Amino acid sequence: MLGNIGTGEIIVIAIVALLLFGGKKIPELMKSIGKGVRSFREGVKDVEDEIKKDLDV
């Protein structure tokens, strides 16, 4: 589904985001998204570690 997004579509999405959130809010939004992704990855890693630990015992 998202594999077919081209340059034109990305530009349109960026313009819409700029209009909706404004230039000052976008860096804050990206920072929040980055923190969320990092937290999600840490959670997945913790679950994988627990599963591996349970299988080894």
Protein backbone atom coordinates (compact mmCIF):
# COMPACT_ATOMS: atom_id res chain seq x y z
CA MET A 1 0.00 0.00 0.00
CA LEU A 2 2.60 2.57 1.03
CA GLY A 3 5.25 1.12 -1.27
CA ASN A 4 3.89 2.98 -4.29
CA ILE A 5 4.21 6.52 -2.90
CA GLY A 6 6.17 8.69 -5.30
CA THR A 7 7.92 12.02 -4.98
CA GLY A 8 4.83 13.97 -5.99
CA GLU A 9 2.71 12.40 -3.29
CA ILE A 10 5.36 13.03 -0.65
CA ILE A 11 5.53 16.70 -1.65
CA VAL A 12 1.73 17.02 -1.42
CA ILE A 13 1.73 15.37 2.02
CA ALA A 14 4.51 17.72 3.20
CA ILE A 15 2.61 20.79 1.96
CA VAL A 16 -0.61 19.67 3.65
CA ALA A 17 1.27 19.01 6.91
CA LEU A 18 2.88 22.45 6.69
CA LEU A 19 -0.51 24.08 6.17
CA LEU A 20 -2.17 22.13 8.99
CA PHE A 21 0.51 22.38 11.65
CA GLY A 22 2.53 25.43 10.68
CA GLY A 23 6.30 25.72 10.42
CA LYS A 24 6.92 25.92 14.16
CA LYS A 25 4.91 22.85 15.16
CA ILE A 26 6.39 20.38 12.64
CA PRO A 27 9.78 19.94 14.41
CA GLU A 28 7.97 19.35 17.71
CA LEU A 29 5.68 16.84 16.02
CA MET A 30 8.61 14.97 14.45
CA LYS A 31 10.41 14.89 17.81
CA SER A 32 7.34 13.39 19.46
CA ILE A 33 6.97 10.80 16.72
CA GLY A 34 10.65 9.87 17.07
CA LYS A 35 10.29 9.39 20.82
CA GLY A 36 7.23 7.23 20.26
CA VAL A 37 8.99 5.03 17.72
CA ARG A 38 12.02 4.67 20.01
CA SER A 39 9.77 3.69 22.92
CA PHE A 40 7.93 1.16 20.75
CA ARG A 41 11.20 -0.42 19.59
CA GLU A 42 12.44 -0.68 23.19
CA GLY A 43 9.17 -2.34 24.17
CA VAL A 44 9.42 -4.85 21.32
CA LYS A 45 13.03 -5.61 22.27
CA ASP A 46 12.03 -6.17 25.90
CA VAL A 47 9.29 -8.60 24.85
CA GLU A 48 11.71 -10.47 22.57
CA ASP A 49 14.25 -10.70 25.40
CA GLU A 50 11.58 -12.08 27.76
CA ILE A 51 10.53 -14.68 25.20
CA LYS A 52 14.12 -15.76 24.59
CA LYS A 53 14.74 -15.91 28.34
CA ASP A 54 11.66 -18.09 28.87
CA LEU A 55 12.68 -20.43 26.05
CA ASP A 56 16.22 -20.84 27.43
CA VAL A 57 15.04 -21.84 30.93
